[in-house]
Each structure stands twice: as structure tokens, then as C-alpha cells.
Amino acid sequence: MAESTPTISVVIAWVNPLDLLTPGLQALTRQPVQEIIVATRHNAKEQARLRALFPQITVLPAAPNTPITALRSLAIKHARSDVVAVTEDHCVPDENWIATIAHAQSRTDCDVVGGPVENALTTRWRDWAAFLTEYAGAIRSATGNESNHALPGNNVAYKRALLDGLCATLERGLWESFYHPQLIARGAHFKYDPRMIVYHRRPFDFTYFVFQRFQFSRSFAAMRLQSLTAFGRIKYGVGAVLLPPLLFLRGLMTLRRKQRFVGRYLACAPLIGAYVTVGALGEMLGYFLGGGDSLEKIE
């Protein structure tokens, strides 16, 4: 059943260079969005540069070491619209992104809507390897078979009634993916729309992505610690030695099921193998020693 067309706020945690943020903001300012809110740990000089380029957006400053989770919560709390959409500072929304969100969220049987993440940097193998390592599960399927529940955290929109719980999750240092199962258990309606596309355009040099993958994986393990017993911590820490082949095969099987990029994935196998191995080491350290400051280092 349809309701009236909702107003939409877009929130972005800005931690990467300004030239990566600009294309996404240019795409958004051409669409019927109520407000764009950027929360950032960049310094005052960089904030002034952003305001000069896009005076219509809201820029919220935060401390230099503020993690992305807290930046997102800060931005969400300032949003005033019926629906809040979350994306990243290096993603470019499709030209119909806001219209697709509005159409889905105008229905009473949709509380959360998300869509695919596609690669915008298709020239270098190392960019493909990094993208497929991280987003094999988020790209569109050629078969049309998608799960409504597996929504990426950088391409998702929530009705206002769900925002308090989302912010509480983010402020605990957890990603949105830890909140979604709670919503599903409460009967919230999730929708996947393949037209709600964002294009990922972050270039990844090898050493940079290795560092980022390690920090992300360590912080993710630390997030899971909040719900693990001491035995579970040891079990997952020891079990991390099995992750490299399991993660590699999971990515391959995901792409085979989607019928996309299988050959490209195999061609990138040496790089992807290195990335999943580094990720496994990060998870192991996270389970045994905690996250440290890894969440603050993620970009």
C-alpha cells in the first residue's frame, strides 16, 4: 500500500580526500533530495573547501579520530526527513537513486530499502581485486535472485522510526549489519531494489588496501566480541586460520550464483588471496586482543 512521497535526507561520513567525495555530491545535488548532511573528521580548512564547493549542504565537524560509525550517527541525528539514506564518501549514486528510494519508501510495507554496489573503476586489476574482495556479495545478480535482507551498509535507506536504534548501534562501534537482524526479528520489512545503485570509485593501491583490510577485519572481530563468550572468542580466533580459503571460495561461489565477473575474479586470484589472508590475520588479532584503534583507522 502506498503512502505520500517521503522526504529524504542523505548522510555521509567524510574521511577520504575531497576529490573522492565531490562526484557523489554532484550526483546528489541534481536529484530531489531534502538535505545532504556530511559529518567529518577533516580539519577546518578542508571543511571550508567543501562548503565553498557545496554551500547548500550541512557540514558537521567531529574530532580527528572519530570513527565512521560515530560520524554516521552524528549525521543521522541531525537529519529531519521522513527517510534517511546512508552512503559513503567515495560512492556515486545513480541518477535515479533518490527517486528509487522515494518510490520504495512510499509504501507501508517497506521499512528499509537497499540496492547494489557496482565498480566504477574498471581499468586496473588491483582495483578490481579490492572491489571483488569487499563487494562480491553486493553487486547486482544477472539472474535477478537477491535477498531482501542482505543490504549493504553504504547503500541503504531507513524510515525515521528506525533511526534511534540505528544510532544506538553505531554509537556502540557497530556497523549497520549488526542492527539489521534485530529489525528482521521485530518484523521490519526489508526491500532490495536493483535500480538503487551506487558506484564505488575508490582507487586501491596494494599496500593501502592491505592496511585497510587488516584494520577492518580486526575491528569487525572486535565488534563480534560484544556478543561472544570467552570460549567463543577462542574458537573464532583459532578458527580464523581457516578463513583464507573459505573467504576466497565464498566470493567465487557468490559470483557464480550471480553469473557475473567469475573470470575476472579468477584472474585476480593472487591479489584476492593476499587480501583475504591479511583479513584473516586481522580477525585473529581482533578476537584475541580486541580492536585497539582499528575502527578509527578505517577509511
C-alpha atoms as a PDB file:
ATOM      1  CA  MET A   1       0.000   0.000   0.000  1.00  0.00           C
ATOM      2  CA  ALA A   2       1.348   3.423  -0.956  1.00  0.00           C
ATOM      3  CA  GLU A   3       1.696   6.490   1.244  1.00  0.00           C
ATOM      4  CA  SER A   4       2.584  10.033   0.185  1.00  0.00           C
ATOM      5  CA  THR A   5       6.051  10.594  -1.279  1.00  0.00           C
ATOM      6  CA  PRO A   6       8.504  10.862   1.643  1.00  0.00           C
ATOM      7  CA  THR A   7      11.176  13.492   2.124  1.00  0.00           C
ATOM      8  CA  ILE A   8      14.712  12.112   2.085  1.00  0.00           C
ATOM      9  CA  SER A   9      17.925  13.108   3.843  1.00  0.00           C
ATOM     10  CA  VAL A  10      21.271  11.705   2.727  1.00  0.00           C
ATOM     11  CA  VAL A  11      24.038  11.259   5.295  1.00  0.00           C
ATOM     12  CA  ILE A  12      27.713  10.719   4.536  1.00  0.00           C
ATOM     13  CA  ALA A  13      30.708  10.179   6.804  1.00  0.00           C
ATOM     14  CA  TRP A  14      33.553  12.041   5.103  1.00  0.00           C
ATOM     15  CA  VAL A  15      37.029  10.665   5.853  1.00  0.00           C
ATOM     16  CA  ASN A  16      38.637  10.351   2.406  1.00  0.00           C
ATOM     17  CA  PRO A  17      40.114  13.121   0.216  1.00  0.00           C
ATOM     18  CA  LEU A  18      37.729  15.778  -1.074  1.00  0.00           C
ATOM     19  CA  ASP A  19      38.184  14.763  -4.706  1.00  0.00           C
ATOM     20  CA  LEU A  20      36.609  11.383  -3.902  1.00  0.00           C
ATOM     21  CA  LEU A  21      33.602  12.978  -2.196  1.00  0.00           C
ATOM     22  CA  THR A  22      32.868  15.569  -4.891  1.00  0.00           C
ATOM     23  CA  PRO A  23      31.426  13.307  -7.656  1.00  0.00           C
ATOM     24  CA  GLY A  24      28.894  11.783  -5.280  1.00  0.00           C
ATOM     25  CA  LEU A  25      27.753  15.194  -4.060  1.00  0.00           C
ATOM     26  CA  GLN A  26      27.477  16.437  -7.639  1.00  0.00           C
ATOM     27  CA  ALA A  27      25.216  13.486  -8.434  1.00  0.00           C
ATOM     28  CA  LEU A  28      23.083  14.067  -5.338  1.00  0.00           C
ATOM     29  CA  THR A  29      22.608  17.807  -5.851  1.00  0.00           C
ATOM     30  CA  ARG A  30      20.989  17.072  -9.215  1.00  0.00           C
ATOM     31  CA  GLN A  31      18.315  14.954  -7.515  1.00  0.00           C
ATOM     32  CA  PRO A  32      15.241  15.836  -5.391  1.00  0.00           C
ATOM     33  CA  VAL A  33      16.876  15.313  -2.006  1.00  0.00           C
ATOM     34  CA  GLN A  34      15.617  17.249   1.027  1.00  0.00           C
ATOM     35  CA  GLU A  35      19.031  17.677   2.639  1.00  0.00           C
ATOM     36  CA  ILE A  36      22.583  16.355   2.423  1.00  0.00           C
ATOM     37  CA  ILE A  37      24.471  16.052   5.698  1.00  0.00           C
ATOM     38  CA  VAL A  38      28.210  15.393   5.781  1.00  0.00           C
ATOM     39  CA  ALA A  39      29.860  14.568   9.115  1.00  0.00           C
ATOM     40  CA  THR A  40      33.635  14.719   9.017  1.00  0.00           C
ATOM     41  CA  ARG A  41      36.850  14.372  10.987  1.00  0.00           C
ATOM     42  CA  HIS A  42      38.702  16.532   8.455  1.00  0.00           C
ATOM     43  CA  ASN A  43      40.175  19.822   9.643  1.00  0.00           C
ATOM     44  CA  ALA A  44      38.559  23.262   9.364  1.00  0.00           C
ATOM     45  CA  LYS A  45      40.451  24.101   6.155  1.00  0.00           C
ATOM     46  CA  GLU A  46      39.069  21.056   4.350  1.00  0.00           C
ATOM     47  CA  GLN A  47      35.588  21.758   5.693  1.00  0.00           C
ATOM     48  CA  ALA A  48      35.795  25.298   4.302  1.00  0.00           C
ATOM     49  CA  ARG A  49      36.789  23.930   0.891  1.00  0.00           C
ATOM     50  CA  LEU A  50      33.759  21.639   0.933  1.00  0.00           C
ATOM     51  CA  ARG A  51      31.379  24.440   1.957  1.00  0.00           C
ATOM     52  CA  ALA A  52      32.731  26.652  -0.824  1.00  0.00           C
ATOM     53  CA  LEU A  53      32.005  23.956  -3.402  1.00  0.00           C
ATOM     54  CA  PHE A  54      28.611  22.929  -2.000  1.00  0.00           C
ATOM     55  CA  PRO A  55      27.131  25.746   0.118  1.00  0.00           C
ATOM     56  CA  GLN A  56      23.742  24.015   0.196  1.00  0.00           C
ATOM     57  CA  ILE A  57      24.890  21.013   2.224  1.00  0.00           C
ATOM     58  CA  THR A  58      25.242  20.718   6.007  1.00  0.00           C
ATOM     59  CA  VAL A  59      28.752  20.003   7.291  1.00  0.00           C
ATOM     60  CA  LEU A  60      29.146  18.673  10.840  1.00  0.00           C
ATOM     61  CA  PRO A  61      32.654  18.708  12.382  1.00  0.00           C
ATOM     62  CA  ALA A  62      33.952  15.982  14.670  1.00  0.00           C
ATOM     63  CA  ALA A  63      37.215  15.139  16.418  1.00  0.00           C
ATOM     64  CA  PRO A  64      40.089  13.921  14.194  1.00  0.00           C
ATOM     65  CA  ASN A  65      39.950  10.332  15.478  1.00  0.00           C
ATOM     66  CA  THR A  66      36.165   9.898  15.240  1.00  0.00           C
ATOM     67  CA  PRO A  67      35.324   6.530  13.598  1.00  0.00           C
ATOM     68  CA  ILE A  68      32.966   6.266  10.647  1.00  0.00           C
ATOM     69  CA  THR A  69      30.280   4.643  12.797  1.00  0.00           C
ATOM     70  CA  ALA A  70      30.141   7.672  15.100  1.00  0.00           C
ATOM     71  CA  LEU A  71      30.223  10.098  12.157  1.00  0.00           C
ATOM     72  CA  ARG A  72      27.214   8.370  10.637  1.00  0.00           C
ATOM     73  CA  SER A  73      25.323   8.553  13.911  1.00  0.00           C
ATOM     74  CA  LEU A  74      26.142  12.261  14.223  1.00  0.00           C
ATOM     75  CA  ALA A  75      24.786  12.951  10.743  1.00  0.00           C
ATOM     76  CA  ILE A  76      21.678  10.800  11.210  1.00  0.00           C
ATOM     77  CA  LYS A  77      20.765  12.618  14.426  1.00  0.00           C
ATOM     78  CA  HIS A  78      20.723  15.915  12.521  1.00  0.00           C
ATOM     79  CA  ALA A  79      18.511  14.601   9.714  1.00  0.00           C
ATOM     80  CA  ARG A  80      14.948  15.958   9.587  1.00  0.00           C
ATOM     81  CA  SER A  81      13.341  13.982   6.770  1.00  0.00           C
ATOM     82  CA  ASP A  82      10.943  11.033   6.736  1.00  0.00           C
ATOM     83  CA  VAL A  83      13.659   8.747   5.361  1.00  0.00           C
ATOM     84  CA  VAL A  84      17.423   8.762   5.886  1.00  0.00           C
ATOM     85  CA  ALA A  85      19.686   7.267   3.217  1.00  0.00           C
ATOM     86  CA  VAL A  86      23.265   6.255   4.015  1.00  0.00           C
ATOM     87  CA  THR A  87      26.122   6.113   1.539  1.00  0.00           C
ATOM     88  CA  GLU A  88      29.905   6.568   1.544  1.00  0.00           C
ATOM     89  CA  ASP A  89      32.174   9.433   0.610  1.00  0.00           C
ATOM     90  CA  HIS A  90      33.633   7.519  -2.336  1.00  0.00           C
ATOM     91  CA  CYS A  91      30.347   6.290  -3.841  1.00  0.00           C
ATOM     92  CA  VAL A  92      28.417   7.967  -6.659  1.00  0.00           C
ATOM     93  CA  PRO A  93      24.658   7.370  -6.603  1.00  0.00           C
ATOM     94  CA  ASP A  94      22.835   6.543  -9.807  1.00  0.00           C
ATOM     95  CA  GLU A  95      20.908   9.429 -11.350  1.00  0.00           C
ATOM     96  CA  ASN A  96      17.611   7.887 -10.201  1.00  0.00           C
ATOM     97  CA  TRP A  97      18.840   6.918  -6.732  1.00  0.00           C
ATOM     98  CA  ILE A  98      16.657   9.304  -4.742  1.00  0.00           C
ATOM     99  CA  ALA A  99      13.597   8.604  -6.902  1.00  0.00           C
ATOM    100  CA  THR A 100      14.060   4.861  -6.406  1.00  0.00           C
ATOM    101  CA  ILE A 101      14.319   5.286  -2.635  1.00  0.00           C
ATOM    102  CA  ALA A 102      11.259   7.537  -2.559  1.00  0.00           C
ATOM    103  CA  HIS A 103       9.210   5.055  -4.572  1.00  0.00           C
ATOM    104  CA  ALA A 104      10.116   2.158  -2.284  1.00  0.00           C
ATOM    105  CA  GLN A 105       9.714   4.083   0.954  1.00  0.00           C
ATOM    106  CA  SER A 106       6.341   5.500  -0.081  1.00  0.00           C
ATOM    107  CA  ARG A 107       4.927   2.046   0.624  1.00  0.00           C
ATOM    108  CA  THR A 108       3.777   0.946   4.063  1.00  0.00           C
ATOM    109  CA  ASP A 109       5.341  -2.485   3.510  1.00  0.00           C
ATOM    110  CA  CYS A 110       8.886  -1.090   3.270  1.00  0.00           C
ATOM    111  CA  ASP A 111      10.888   0.000   6.315  1.00  0.00           C
ATOM    112  CA  VAL A 112      14.398  -0.463   4.937  1.00  0.00           C
ATOM    113  CA  VAL A 113      15.454  -0.417   1.293  1.00  0.00           C
ATOM    114  CA  GLY A 114      18.866  -1.037  -0.204  1.00  0.00           C
ATOM    115  CA  GLY A 115      20.464  -1.790  -3.515  1.00  0.00           C
ATOM    116  CA  PRO A 116      23.626  -2.951  -5.246  1.00  0.00           C
ATOM    117  CA  VAL A 117      27.135  -1.545  -5.237  1.00  0.00           C
ATOM    118  CA  GLU A 118      28.887  -1.568  -8.611  1.00  0.00           C
ATOM    119  CA  ASN A 119      32.515  -0.911  -9.521  1.00  0.00           C
ATOM    120  CA  ALA A 120      33.229   2.440 -11.171  1.00  0.00           C
ATOM    121  CA  LEU A 121      36.988   1.904 -11.560  1.00  0.00           C
ATOM    122  CA  THR A 122      37.402  -0.810 -14.158  1.00  0.00           C
ATOM    123  CA  THR A 123      40.870  -0.191 -15.618  1.00  0.00           C
ATOM    124  CA  ARG A 124      43.333  -1.565 -13.056  1.00  0.00           C
ATOM    125  CA  TRP A 125      43.385  -5.170 -11.880  1.00  0.00           C
ATOM    126  CA  ARG A 126      44.209  -4.142  -8.313  1.00  0.00           C
ATOM    127  CA  ASP A 127      41.062  -2.018  -8.149  1.00  0.00           C
ATOM    128  CA  TRP A 128      39.021  -4.961  -9.397  1.00  0.00           C
ATOM    129  CA  ALA A 129      40.678  -7.276  -6.879  1.00  0.00           C
ATOM    130  CA  ALA A 130      39.943  -4.957  -3.966  1.00  0.00           C
ATOM    131  CA  PHE A 131      36.388  -4.346  -5.117  1.00  0.00           C
ATOM    132  CA  LEU A 132      35.562  -8.028  -5.593  1.00  0.00           C
ATOM    133  CA  THR A 133      37.160  -8.920  -2.261  1.00  0.00           C
ATOM    134  CA  GLU A 134      34.874  -6.479  -0.496  1.00  0.00           C
ATOM    135  CA  TYR A 135      31.747  -6.288  -2.640  1.00  0.00           C
ATOM    136  CA  ALA A 136      31.200  -9.598  -4.437  1.00  0.00           C
ATOM    137  CA  GLY A 137      28.082 -10.052  -2.333  1.00  0.00           C
ATOM    138  CA  ALA A 138      26.784  -6.547  -3.063  1.00  0.00           C
ATOM    139  CA  ILE A 139      26.828  -6.407  -6.864  1.00  0.00           C
ATOM    140  CA  ARG A 140      23.695  -6.990  -8.918  1.00  0.00           C
ATOM    141  CA  SER A 141      22.833 -10.510  -9.941  1.00  0.00           C
ATOM    142  CA  ALA A 142      22.385 -11.369 -13.603  1.00  0.00           C
ATOM    143  CA  THR A 143      19.744 -13.902 -12.546  1.00  0.00           C
ATOM    144  CA  GLY A 144      17.578 -11.489 -10.544  1.00  0.00           C
ATOM    145  CA  ASN A 145      17.702 -13.638  -7.403  1.00  0.00           C
ATOM    146  CA  GLU A 146      18.543 -11.395  -4.456  1.00  0.00           C
ATOM    147  CA  SER A 147      17.895 -11.458  -0.724  1.00  0.00           C
ATOM    148  CA  ASN A 148      15.901  -8.602   0.761  1.00  0.00           C
ATOM    149  CA  HIS A 149      17.886  -8.946   3.973  1.00  0.00           C
ATOM    150  CA  ALA A 150      21.455  -8.728   2.633  1.00  0.00           C
ATOM    151  CA  LEU A 151      21.609  -4.950   2.208  1.00  0.00           C
ATOM    152  CA  PRO A 152      24.993  -3.180   2.068  1.00  0.00           C
ATOM    153  CA  GLY A 153      25.643  -0.578   4.739  1.00  0.00           C
ATOM    154  CA  ASN A 154      26.777   2.006   2.186  1.00  0.00           C
ATOM    155  CA  ASN A 155      23.603   1.875   0.083  1.00  0.00           C
ATOM    156  CA  VAL A 156      20.608   1.696   2.389  1.00  0.00           C
ATOM    157  CA  ALA A 157      17.705   3.916   3.490  1.00  0.00           C
ATOM    158  CA  TYR A 158      15.631   3.745   6.682  1.00  0.00           C
ATOM    159  CA  LYS A 159      12.286   5.104   7.781  1.00  0.00           C
ATOM    160  CA  ARG A 160      12.567   7.605  10.636  1.00  0.00           C
ATOM    161  CA  ALA A 161      11.032   5.268  13.225  1.00  0.00           C
ATOM    162  CA  LEU A 162      14.111   3.028  12.985  1.00  0.00           C
ATOM    163  CA  LEU A 163      16.756   5.705  13.450  1.00  0.00           C
ATOM    164  CA  ASP A 164      17.091   5.690  17.239  1.00  0.00           C
ATOM    165  CA  GLY A 165      18.034   2.024  17.242  1.00  0.00           C
ATOM    166  CA  LEU A 166      20.376   2.560  14.303  1.00  0.00           C
ATOM    167  CA  CYS A 167      22.196   5.382  16.083  1.00  0.00           C
ATOM    168  CA  ALA A 168      22.442   3.336  19.275  1.00  0.00           C
ATOM    169  CA  THR A 169      24.080   0.536  17.285  1.00  0.00           C
ATOM    170  CA  LEU A 170      26.516   2.875  15.540  1.00  0.00           C
ATOM    171  CA  GLU A 171      27.467   4.572  18.802  1.00  0.00           C
ATOM    172  CA  ARG A 172      28.433   1.187  20.240  1.00  0.00           C
ATOM    173  CA  GLY A 173      31.009   0.997  17.458  1.00  0.00           C
ATOM    174  CA  LEU A 174      28.999  -1.487  15.385  1.00  0.00           C
ATOM    175  CA  TRP A 175      28.135  -1.424  11.690  1.00  0.00           C
ATOM    176  CA  GLU A 176      24.569  -1.335  10.410  1.00  0.00           C
ATOM    177  CA  SER A 177      24.757  -5.054   9.648  1.00  0.00           C
ATOM    178  CA  PHE A 178      24.579  -5.741  13.393  1.00  0.00           C
ATOM    179  CA  TYR A 179      21.290  -3.805  13.599  1.00  0.00           C
ATOM    180  CA  HIS A 180      19.537  -5.422  10.651  1.00  0.00           C
ATOM    181  CA  PRO A 181      18.973  -8.845  12.297  1.00  0.00           C
ATOM    182  CA  GLN A 182      17.302  -7.090  15.227  1.00  0.00           C
ATOM    183  CA  LEU A 183      14.945  -5.323  12.835  1.00  0.00           C
ATOM    184  CA  ILE A 184      14.153  -8.546  10.998  1.00  0.00           C
ATOM    185  CA  ALA A 185      13.370 -10.269  14.296  1.00  0.00           C
ATOM    186  CA  ARG A 186      10.974  -7.425  15.115  1.00  0.00           C
ATOM    187  CA  GLY A 187       9.172  -7.868  11.812  1.00  0.00           C
ATOM    188  CA  ALA A 188      10.569  -4.883   9.907  1.00  0.00           C
ATOM    189  CA  HIS A 189      10.060  -5.051   6.146  1.00  0.00           C
ATOM    190  CA  PHE A 190      13.253  -5.065   4.079  1.00  0.00           C
ATOM    191  CA  LYS A 191      13.299  -4.451   0.325  1.00  0.00           C
ATOM    192  CA  TYR A 192      16.068  -4.900  -2.222  1.00  0.00           C
ATOM    193  CA  ASP A 193      15.763  -2.773  -5.363  1.00  0.00           C
ATOM    194  CA  PRO A 194      18.326  -3.483  -8.118  1.00  0.00           C
ATOM    195  CA  ARG A 195      17.735   0.008  -9.537  1.00  0.00           C
ATOM    196  CA  MET A 196      19.018   1.662  -6.340  1.00  0.00           C
ATOM    197  CA  ILE A 197      22.656   1.635  -7.454  1.00  0.00           C
ATOM    198  CA  VAL A 198      25.738   3.336  -6.092  1.00  0.00           C
ATOM    199  CA  TYR A 199      29.032   3.218  -7.985  1.00  0.00           C
ATOM    200  CA  HIS A 200      32.128   2.570  -5.884  1.00  0.00           C
ATOM    201  CA  ARG A 201      35.004   4.752  -7.120  1.00  0.00           C
ATOM    202  CA  ARG A 202      37.751   4.412  -4.522  1.00  0.00           C
ATOM    203  CA  PRO A 203      41.138   3.529  -6.081  1.00  0.00           C
ATOM    204  CA  PHE A 204      43.123   0.996  -4.085  1.00  0.00           C
ATOM    205  CA  ASP A 205      46.877   0.614  -4.219  1.00  0.00           C
ATOM    206  CA  PHE A 206      48.075  -2.726  -2.880  1.00  0.00           C
ATOM    207  CA  THR A 207      49.641  -1.574   0.391  1.00  0.00           C
ATOM    208  CA  TYR A 208      46.769   0.788   1.160  1.00  0.00           C
ATOM    209  CA  PHE A 209      44.132  -1.901   0.729  1.00  0.00           C
ATOM    210  CA  VAL A 210      46.169  -4.427   2.720  1.00  0.00           C
ATOM    211  CA  PHE A 211      46.290  -1.932   5.595  1.00  0.00           C
ATOM    212  CA  GLN A 212      42.587  -1.131   5.316  1.00  0.00           C
ATOM    213  CA  ARG A 213      41.588  -4.781   5.061  1.00  0.00           C
ATOM    214  CA  PHE A 214      43.579  -5.638   8.168  1.00  0.00           C
ATOM    215  CA  GLN A 215      42.070  -2.788  10.193  1.00  0.00           C
ATOM    216  CA  PHE A 216      38.527  -3.508   9.007  1.00  0.00           C
ATOM    217  CA  SER A 217      38.819  -7.204   9.808  1.00  0.00           C
ATOM    218  CA  ARG A 218      40.329  -6.577  13.223  1.00  0.00           C
ATOM    219  CA  SER A 219      37.593  -4.069  14.096  1.00  0.00           C
ATOM    220  CA  PHE A 220      34.891  -6.440  12.819  1.00  0.00           C
ATOM    221  CA  ALA A 221      36.156  -9.219  15.073  1.00  0.00           C
ATOM    222  CA  ALA A 222      36.159  -6.784  17.985  1.00  0.00           C
ATOM    223  CA  MET A 223      32.540  -5.905  17.227  1.00  0.00           C
ATOM    224  CA  ARG A 224      31.601  -9.561  17.411  1.00  0.00           C
ATOM    225  CA  LEU A 225      33.317  -9.834  20.786  1.00  0.00           C
ATOM    226  CA  GLN A 226      30.446  -7.880  22.313  1.00  0.00           C
ATOM    227  CA  SER A 227      28.239 -10.964  21.932  1.00  0.00           C
ATOM    228  CA  LEU A 228      30.821 -13.757  22.374  1.00  0.00           C
ATOM    229  CA  THR A 229      31.725 -15.783  25.439  1.00  0.00           C
ATOM    230  CA  ALA A 230      35.371 -16.409  26.327  1.00  0.00           C
ATOM    231  CA  PHE A 231      35.109 -19.824  24.670  1.00  0.00           C
ATOM    232  CA  GLY A 232      33.581 -18.267  21.563  1.00  0.00           C
ATOM    233  CA  ARG A 233      36.419 -15.766  21.410  1.00  0.00           C
ATOM    234  CA  ILE A 234      38.998 -18.567  21.446  1.00  0.00           C
ATOM    235  CA  LYS A 235      37.013 -20.670  18.973  1.00  0.00           C
ATOM    236  CA  TYR A 236      36.719 -17.882  16.414  1.00  0.00           C
ATOM    237  CA  GLY A 237      40.303 -16.747  16.967  1.00  0.00           C
ATOM    238  CA  VAL A 238      41.715 -20.201  16.320  1.00  0.00           C
ATOM    239  CA  GLY A 239      39.236 -20.795  13.508  1.00  0.00           C
ATOM    240  CA  ALA A 240      40.492 -17.698  11.686  1.00  0.00           C
ATOM    241  CA  VAL A 241      43.311 -19.833  10.228  1.00  0.00           C
ATOM    242  CA  LEU A 242      40.667 -21.449   8.011  1.00  0.00           C
ATOM    243  CA  LEU A 243      39.303 -18.159   6.707  1.00  0.00           C
ATOM    244  CA  PRO A 244      41.537 -17.509   3.647  1.00  0.00           C
ATOM    245  CA  PRO A 245      40.341 -20.480   1.540  1.00  0.00           C
ATOM    246  CA  LEU A 246      36.794 -20.199   2.889  1.00  0.00           C
ATOM    247  CA  LEU A 247      36.523 -16.489   2.083  1.00  0.00           C
ATOM    248  CA  PHE A 248      38.073 -16.966  -1.349  1.00  0.00           C
ATOM    249  CA  LEU A 249      35.661 -19.776  -2.206  1.00  0.00           C
ATOM    250  CA  ARG A 250      32.691 -17.875  -0.807  1.00  0.00           C
ATOM    251  CA  GLY A 251      33.460 -14.940  -3.088  1.00  0.00           C
ATOM    252  CA  LEU A 252      33.848 -17.251  -6.079  1.00  0.00           C
ATOM    253  CA  MET A 253      30.605 -19.121  -5.383  1.00  0.00           C
ATOM    254  CA  THR A 254      28.753 -15.847  -4.850  1.00  0.00           C
ATOM    255  CA  LEU A 255      29.828 -14.592  -8.265  1.00  0.00           C
ATOM    256  CA  ARG A 256      28.965 -17.924  -9.901  1.00  0.00           C
ATOM    257  CA  ARG A 257      25.493 -17.692  -8.394  1.00  0.00           C
ATOM    258  CA  LYS A 258      25.131 -14.134  -9.651  1.00  0.00           C
ATOM    259  CA  GLN A 259      26.661 -15.135 -13.018  1.00  0.00           C
ATOM    260  CA  ARG A 260      28.965 -12.124 -13.080  1.00  0.00           C
ATOM    261  CA  PHE A 261      32.725 -11.492 -13.038  1.00  0.00           C
ATOM    262  CA  VAL A 262      33.773 -15.105 -12.393  1.00  0.00           C
ATOM    263  CA  GLY A 263      36.623 -14.924 -14.901  1.00  0.00           C
ATOM    264  CA  ARG A 264      37.752 -11.570 -13.564  1.00  0.00           C
ATOM    265  CA  TYR A 265      37.725 -12.929 -10.014  1.00  0.00           C
ATOM    266  CA  LEU A 266      39.914 -15.865 -11.020  1.00  0.00           C
ATOM    267  CA  ALA A 267      42.271 -13.560 -12.893  1.00  0.00           C
ATOM    268  CA  CYS A 268      42.627 -11.502  -9.710  1.00  0.00           C
ATOM    269  CA  ALA A 269      43.116 -14.623  -7.560  1.00  0.00           C
ATOM    270  CA  PRO A 270      46.692 -13.846  -6.399  1.00  0.00           C
ATOM    271  CA  LEU A 271      45.689 -10.411  -5.135  1.00  0.00           C
ATOM    272  CA  ILE A 272      42.391 -11.586  -3.667  1.00  0.00           C
ATOM    273  CA  GLY A 273      44.201 -14.457  -1.958  1.00  0.00           C
ATOM    274  CA  ALA A 274      46.584 -11.977  -0.346  1.00  0.00           C
ATOM    275  CA  TYR A 275      43.724  -9.725   0.740  1.00  0.00           C
ATOM    276  CA  VAL A 276      41.667 -12.478   2.383  1.00  0.00           C
ATOM    277  CA  THR A 277      44.783 -13.774   4.146  1.00  0.00           C
ATOM    278  CA  VAL A 278      45.512 -10.347   5.588  1.00  0.00           C
ATOM    279  CA  GLY A 279      41.868 -10.079   6.609  1.00  0.00           C
ATOM    280  CA  ALA A 280      42.070 -13.408   8.414  1.00  0.00           C
ATOM    281  CA  LEU A 281      45.126 -12.222  10.335  1.00  0.00           C
ATOM    282  CA  GLY A 282      43.250  -9.078  11.309  1.00  0.00           C
ATOM    283  CA  GLU A 283      40.288 -11.096  12.547  1.00  0.00           C
ATOM    284  CA  MET A 284      42.517 -13.408  14.557  1.00  0.00           C
ATOM    285  CA  LEU A 285      44.177 -10.461  16.267  1.00  0.00           C
ATOM    286  CA  GLY A 286      40.800  -8.870  16.915  1.00  0.00           C
ATOM    287  CA  TYR A 287      39.423 -11.976  18.606  1.00  0.00           C
ATOM    288  CA  PHE A 288      42.476 -12.461  20.806  1.00  0.00           C
ATOM    289  CA  LEU A 289      43.497  -8.861  21.574  1.00  0.00           C
ATOM    290  CA  GLY A 290      40.467  -6.737  20.730  1.00  0.00           C
ATOM    291  CA  GLY A 291      40.125  -3.973  18.193  1.00  0.00           C
ATOM    292  CA  GLY A 292      42.570  -1.417  19.580  1.00  0.00           C
ATOM    293  CA  ASP A 293      42.191   1.740  17.484  1.00  0.00           C
ATOM    294  CA  SER A 294      41.462  -0.172  14.270  1.00  0.00           C
ATOM    295  CA  LEU A 295      37.959   1.281  13.826  1.00  0.00           C
ATOM    296  CA  GLU A 296      39.378   4.818  13.851  1.00  0.00           C
ATOM    297  CA  LYS A 297      41.814   3.931  11.048  1.00  0.00           C
ATOM    298  CA  ILE A 298      39.175   2.719   8.605  1.00  0.00           C
ATOM    299  CA  GLU A 299      38.560   4.925   5.591  1.00  0.00           C
END
